[in-house]
PDB file of N, CA and C in Angstrom:
ATOM      1  N   UNK A   1     -11.612  -7.881   5.011  1.00  0.00           N
ATOM      2  CA  UNK A   1     -10.153  -8.089   4.892  1.00  0.00           C
ATOM      3  C   UNK A   1      -9.857  -7.408   3.546  1.00  0.00           C
ATOM      4  N   UNK A   2      -8.571  -6.934   3.515  1.00  0.00           N
ATOM      5  CA  UNK A   2      -7.912  -6.400   2.251  1.00  0.00           C
ATOM      6  C   UNK A   2      -6.613  -7.078   2.083  1.00  0.00           C
ATOM      7  N   UNK A   3      -6.233  -7.004   0.868  1.00  0.00           N
ATOM      8  CA  UNK A   3      -4.829  -7.475   0.455  1.00  0.00           C
ATOM      9  C   UNK A   3      -3.773  -6.361   0.344  1.00  0.00           C
ATOM     10  N   UNK A   4      -2.753  -6.509   1.022  1.00  0.00           N
ATOM     11  CA  UNK A   4      -1.611  -5.563   1.043  1.00  0.00           C
ATOM     12  C   UNK A   4      -1.113  -5.350  -0.323  1.00  0.00           C
ATOM     13  N   UNK A   5      -1.033  -4.166  -0.785  1.00  0.00           N
ATOM     14  CA  UNK A   5      -0.379  -3.922  -2.090  1.00  0.00           C
ATOM     15  C   UNK A   5       1.055  -4.220  -2.206  1.00  0.00           C
ATOM     16  N   UNK A   6       1.731  -4.213  -1.040  1.00  0.00           N
ATOM     17  CA  UNK A   6       3.246  -4.517  -0.947  1.00  0.00           C
ATOM     18  C   UNK A   6       3.614  -5.962  -0.901  1.00  0.00           C
ATOM     19  N   UNK A   7       2.948  -6.630   0.154  1.00  0.00           N
ATOM     20  CA  UNK A   7       3.455  -8.027   0.296  1.00  0.00           C
ATOM     21  C   UNK A   7       2.376  -9.087  -0.142  1.00  0.00           C
ATOM     22  N   UNK A   8       1.207  -8.620  -0.380  1.00  0.00           N
ATOM     23  CA  UNK A   8       0.047  -9.532  -0.940  1.00  0.00           C
ATOM     24  C   UNK A   8      -0.645 -10.217   0.227  1.00  0.00           C
ATOM     25  N   UNK A   9      -0.338 -10.009   1.485  1.00  0.00           N
ATOM     26  CA  UNK A   9      -1.078 -10.718   2.584  1.00  0.00           C
ATOM     27  C   UNK A   9      -2.496 -10.184   2.800  1.00  0.00           C
ATOM     28  N   UNK A  10      -3.435 -11.126   3.144  1.00  0.00           N
ATOM     29  CA  UNK A  10      -4.783 -10.566   3.517  1.00  0.00           C
ATOM     30  C   UNK A  10      -4.661  -9.984   4.996  1.00  0.00           C
ATOM     31  N   UNK A  11      -5.210  -9.021   5.301  1.00  0.00           N
ATOM     32  CA  UNK A  11      -5.159  -8.429   6.579  1.00  0.00           C
ATOM     33  C   UNK A  11      -6.425  -7.632   7.142  1.00  0.00           C
ATOM     34  N   UNK A  12      -6.440  -7.608   8.321  1.00  0.00           N
ATOM     35  CA  UNK A  12      -7.697  -6.724   8.864  1.00  0.00           C
ATOM     36  C   UNK A  12      -7.057  -5.444   9.416  1.00  0.00           C
ATOM     37  N   UNK A  13      -5.743  -5.357   9.595  1.00  0.00           N
ATOM     38  CA  UNK A  13      -5.132  -4.157  10.073  1.00  0.00           C
ATOM     39  C   UNK A  13      -4.514  -3.510   9.011  1.00  0.00           C
ATOM     40  N   UNK A  14      -4.889  -2.358   8.346  1.00  0.00           N
ATOM     41  CA  UNK A  14      -4.333  -1.763   7.131  1.00  0.00           C
ATOM     42  C   UNK A  14      -4.652  -0.369   7.089  1.00  0.00           C
ATOM     43  N   UNK A  15      -3.836   0.363   6.300  1.00  0.00           N
ATOM     44  CA  UNK A  15      -4.183   1.747   5.820  1.00  0.00           C
ATOM     45  C   UNK A  15      -4.448   1.736   4.481  1.00  0.00           C
ATOM     46  N   UNK A  16      -5.347   2.526   4.056  1.00  0.00           N
ATOM     47  CA  UNK A  16      -5.665   2.609   2.672  1.00  0.00           C
ATOM     48  C   UNK A  16      -5.769   3.970   2.206  1.00  0.00           C
ATOM     49  N   UNK A  17      -5.066   4.387   1.085  1.00  0.00           N
ATOM     50  CA  UNK A  17      -5.089   5.801   0.659  1.00  0.00           C
ATOM     51  C   UNK A  17      -4.978   5.776  -0.859  1.00  0.00           C
ATOM     52  N   UNK A  18      -5.462   6.902  -1.482  1.00  0.00           N
ATOM     53  CA  UNK A  18      -5.327   6.928  -2.981  1.00  0.00           C
ATOM     54  C   UNK A  18      -4.027   7.508  -3.326  1.00  0.00           C
ATOM     55  N   UNK A  19      -3.638   7.163  -4.603  1.00  0.00           N
ATOM     56  CA  UNK A  19      -2.441   7.741  -5.112  1.00  0.00           C
ATOM     57  C   UNK A  19      -2.700   9.279  -5.571  1.00  0.00           C
ATOM     58  N   UNK A  20      -1.837  10.118  -5.251  1.00  0.00           N
ATOM     59  CA  UNK A  20      -2.063  11.557  -5.723  1.00  0.00           C
ATOM     60  C   UNK A  20      -2.130  11.791  -7.131  1.00  0.00           C
ATOM     61  N   UNK A  21      -1.594  10.947  -7.937  1.00  0.00           N
ATOM     62  CA  UNK A  21      -1.409  11.001  -9.351  1.00  0.00           C
ATOM     63  C   UNK A  21      -2.658  10.366 -10.025  1.00  0.00           C
ATOM     64  N   UNK A  22      -3.005   9.201  -9.741  1.00  0.00           N
ATOM     65  CA  UNK A  22      -4.118   8.392 -10.479  1.00  0.00           C
ATOM     66  C   UNK A  22      -5.210   8.040  -9.734  1.00  0.00           C
ATOM     67  N   UNK A  23      -5.177   8.221  -8.324  1.00  0.00           N
ATOM     68  CA  UNK A  23      -6.378   8.017  -7.508  1.00  0.00           C
ATOM     69  C   UNK A  23      -6.595   6.387  -7.238  1.00  0.00           C
ATOM     70  N   UNK A  24      -5.664   5.702  -7.753  1.00  0.00           N
ATOM     71  CA  UNK A  24      -5.655   4.093  -7.432  1.00  0.00           C
ATOM     72  C   UNK A  24      -5.446   3.976  -5.985  1.00  0.00           C
ATOM     73  N   UNK A  25      -6.225   3.071  -5.343  1.00  0.00           N
ATOM     74  CA  UNK A  25      -6.103   2.808  -3.869  1.00  0.00           C
ATOM     75  C   UNK A  25      -4.871   2.076  -3.713  1.00  0.00           C
ATOM     76  N   UNK A  26      -4.186   2.351  -2.598  1.00  0.00           N
ATOM     77  CA  UNK A  26      -3.106   1.572  -2.199  1.00  0.00           C
ATOM     78  C   UNK A  26      -3.481   1.047  -0.730  1.00  0.00           C
ATOM     79  N   UNK A  27      -3.259  -0.199  -0.555  1.00  0.00           N
ATOM     80  CA  UNK A  27      -3.450  -0.714   0.797  1.00  0.00           C
ATOM     81  C   UNK A  27      -2.158  -1.280   1.401  1.00  0.00           C
ATOM     82  N   UNK A  28      -1.903  -0.890   2.702  1.00  0.00           N
ATOM     83  CA  UNK A  28      -0.656  -1.272   3.314  1.00  0.00           C
ATOM     84  C   UNK A  28      -1.022  -1.930   4.676  1.00  0.00           C
ATOM     85  N   UNK A  29      -0.499  -3.156   4.773  1.00  0.00           N
ATOM     86  CA  UNK A  29      -0.728  -3.861   6.120  1.00  0.00           C
ATOM     87  C   UNK A  29       0.123  -3.303   7.226  1.00  0.00           C
ATOM     88  N   UNK A  30      -0.309  -3.587   8.384  1.00  0.00           N
ATOM     89  CA  UNK A  30       0.386  -3.047   9.591  1.00  0.00           C
ATOM     90  C   UNK A  30       1.882  -3.370   9.601  1.00  0.00           C
ATOM     91  N   UNK A  31       2.190  -4.607   9.196  1.00  0.00           N
ATOM     92  CA  UNK A  31       3.619  -5.112   9.192  1.00  0.00           C
ATOM     93  C   UNK A  31       4.399  -4.307   8.207  1.00  0.00           C
ATOM     94  N   UNK A  32       4.068  -4.132   6.975  1.00  0.00           N
ATOM     95  CA  UNK A  32       4.691  -3.430   5.911  1.00  0.00           C
ATOM     96  C   UNK A  32       4.867  -1.956   6.393  1.00  0.00           C
ATOM     97  N   UNK A  33       3.811  -1.290   7.125  1.00  0.00           N
ATOM     98  CA  UNK A  33       4.069   0.052   7.436  1.00  0.00           C
ATOM     99  C   UNK A  33       5.112   0.216   8.628  1.00  0.00           C
ATOM    100  N   UNK A  34       5.009  -0.977   9.424  1.00  0.00           N
ATOM    101  CA  UNK A  34       5.930  -0.920  10.672  1.00  0.00           C
ATOM    102  C   UNK A  34       7.501  -0.999  10.220  1.00  0.00           C
ATOM    103  N   UNK A  35       7.725  -1.905   9.220  1.00  0.00           N
ATOM    104  CA  UNK A  35       9.048  -2.081   8.678  1.00  0.00           C
ATOM    105  C   UNK A  35       9.425  -1.107   7.560  1.00  0.00           C
ATOM    106  N   UNK A  36       8.434  -0.190   7.211  1.00  0.00           N
ATOM    107  CA  UNK A  36       8.829   0.721   6.160  1.00  0.00           C
ATOM    108  C   UNK A  36       9.087   0.073   4.797  1.00  0.00           C
ATOM    109  N   UNK A  37       8.391  -0.979   4.469  1.00  0.00           N
ATOM    110  CA  UNK A  37       8.645  -1.728   3.314  1.00  0.00           C
ATOM    111  C   UNK A  37       8.282  -0.815   2.132  1.00  0.00           C
ATOM    112  N   UNK A  38       9.078  -0.573   1.145  1.00  0.00           N
ATOM    113  CA  UNK A  38       8.764   0.338  -0.092  1.00  0.00           C
ATOM    114  C   UNK A  38       7.524  -0.144  -0.777  1.00  0.00           C
ATOM    115  N   UNK A  39       6.873   0.718  -1.407  1.00  0.00           N
ATOM    116  CA  UNK A  39       5.886   0.443  -2.263  1.00  0.00           C
ATOM    117  C   UNK A  39       5.777   1.455  -3.471  1.00  0.00           C
ATOM    118  N   UNK A  40       5.130   1.015  -4.597  1.00  0.00           N
ATOM    119  CA  UNK A  40       5.013   1.914  -5.646  1.00  0.00           C
ATOM    120  C   UNK A  40       3.559   1.570  -6.243  1.00  0.00           C
ATOM    121  N   UNK A  41       2.957   2.774  -6.618  1.00  0.00           N
ATOM    122  CA  UNK A  41       1.686   2.769  -7.308  1.00  0.00           C
ATOM    123  C   UNK A  41       1.637   2.039  -8.509  1.00  0.00           C
ATOM    124  N   UNK A  42       0.559   1.413  -8.942  1.00  0.00           N
ATOM    125  CA  UNK A  42       0.520   0.737 -10.282  1.00  0.00           C
ATOM    126  C   UNK A  42       0.820   1.691 -11.445  1.00  0.00           C
ATOM    127  N   UNK A  43       0.522   3.010 -11.264  1.00  0.00           N
ATOM    128  CA  UNK A  43       0.779   3.850 -12.395  1.00  0.00           C
ATOM    129  C   UNK A  43       2.315   4.255 -12.399  1.00  0.00           C
ATOM    130  N   UNK A  44       3.063   3.977 -11.317  1.00  0.00           N
ATOM    131  CA  UNK A  44       4.468   4.233 -11.355  1.00  0.00           C
ATOM    132  C   UNK A  44       4.884   5.596 -11.141  1.00  0.00           C
ATOM    133  N   UNK A  45       4.055   6.520 -10.906  1.00  0.00           N
ATOM    134  CA  UNK A  45       4.377   7.898 -10.595  1.00  0.00           C
ATOM    135  C   UNK A  45       4.396   8.209  -9.072  1.00  0.00           C
ATOM    136  N   UNK A  46       4.028   7.227  -8.177  1.00  0.00           N
ATOM    137  CA  UNK A  46       4.125   7.606  -6.811  1.00  0.00           C
ATOM    138  C   UNK A  46       4.750   6.397  -6.103  1.00  0.00           C
ATOM    139  N   UNK A  47       5.761   6.710  -5.198  1.00  0.00           N
ATOM    140  CA  UNK A  47       6.308   5.608  -4.391  1.00  0.00           C
ATOM    141  C   UNK A  47       6.532   6.165  -2.987  1.00  0.00           C
ATOM    142  N   UNK A  48       6.818   5.281  -2.090  1.00  0.00           N
ATOM    143  CA  UNK A  48       7.033   5.657  -0.610  1.00  0.00           C
ATOM    144  C   UNK A  48       7.588   4.572   0.205  1.00  0.00           C
ATOM    145  N   UNK A  49       7.954   4.945   1.370  1.00  0.00           N
ATOM    146  CA  UNK A  49       8.513   3.956   2.355  1.00  0.00           C
ATOM    147  C   UNK A  49       7.470   3.152   2.935  1.00  0.00           C
TER     148      UNK A  49
END
């Protein structure tokens, strides 16, 4: 299980990808991806829906 970077929930259904600026991993749960919940990388240089 991973913790969603956006909502903080523990989930088994997620997408994980690196930030193109700093390579920090972002984890997005199925729910946040579905509702297009906005997120921002910890470095602050990359954000998305």
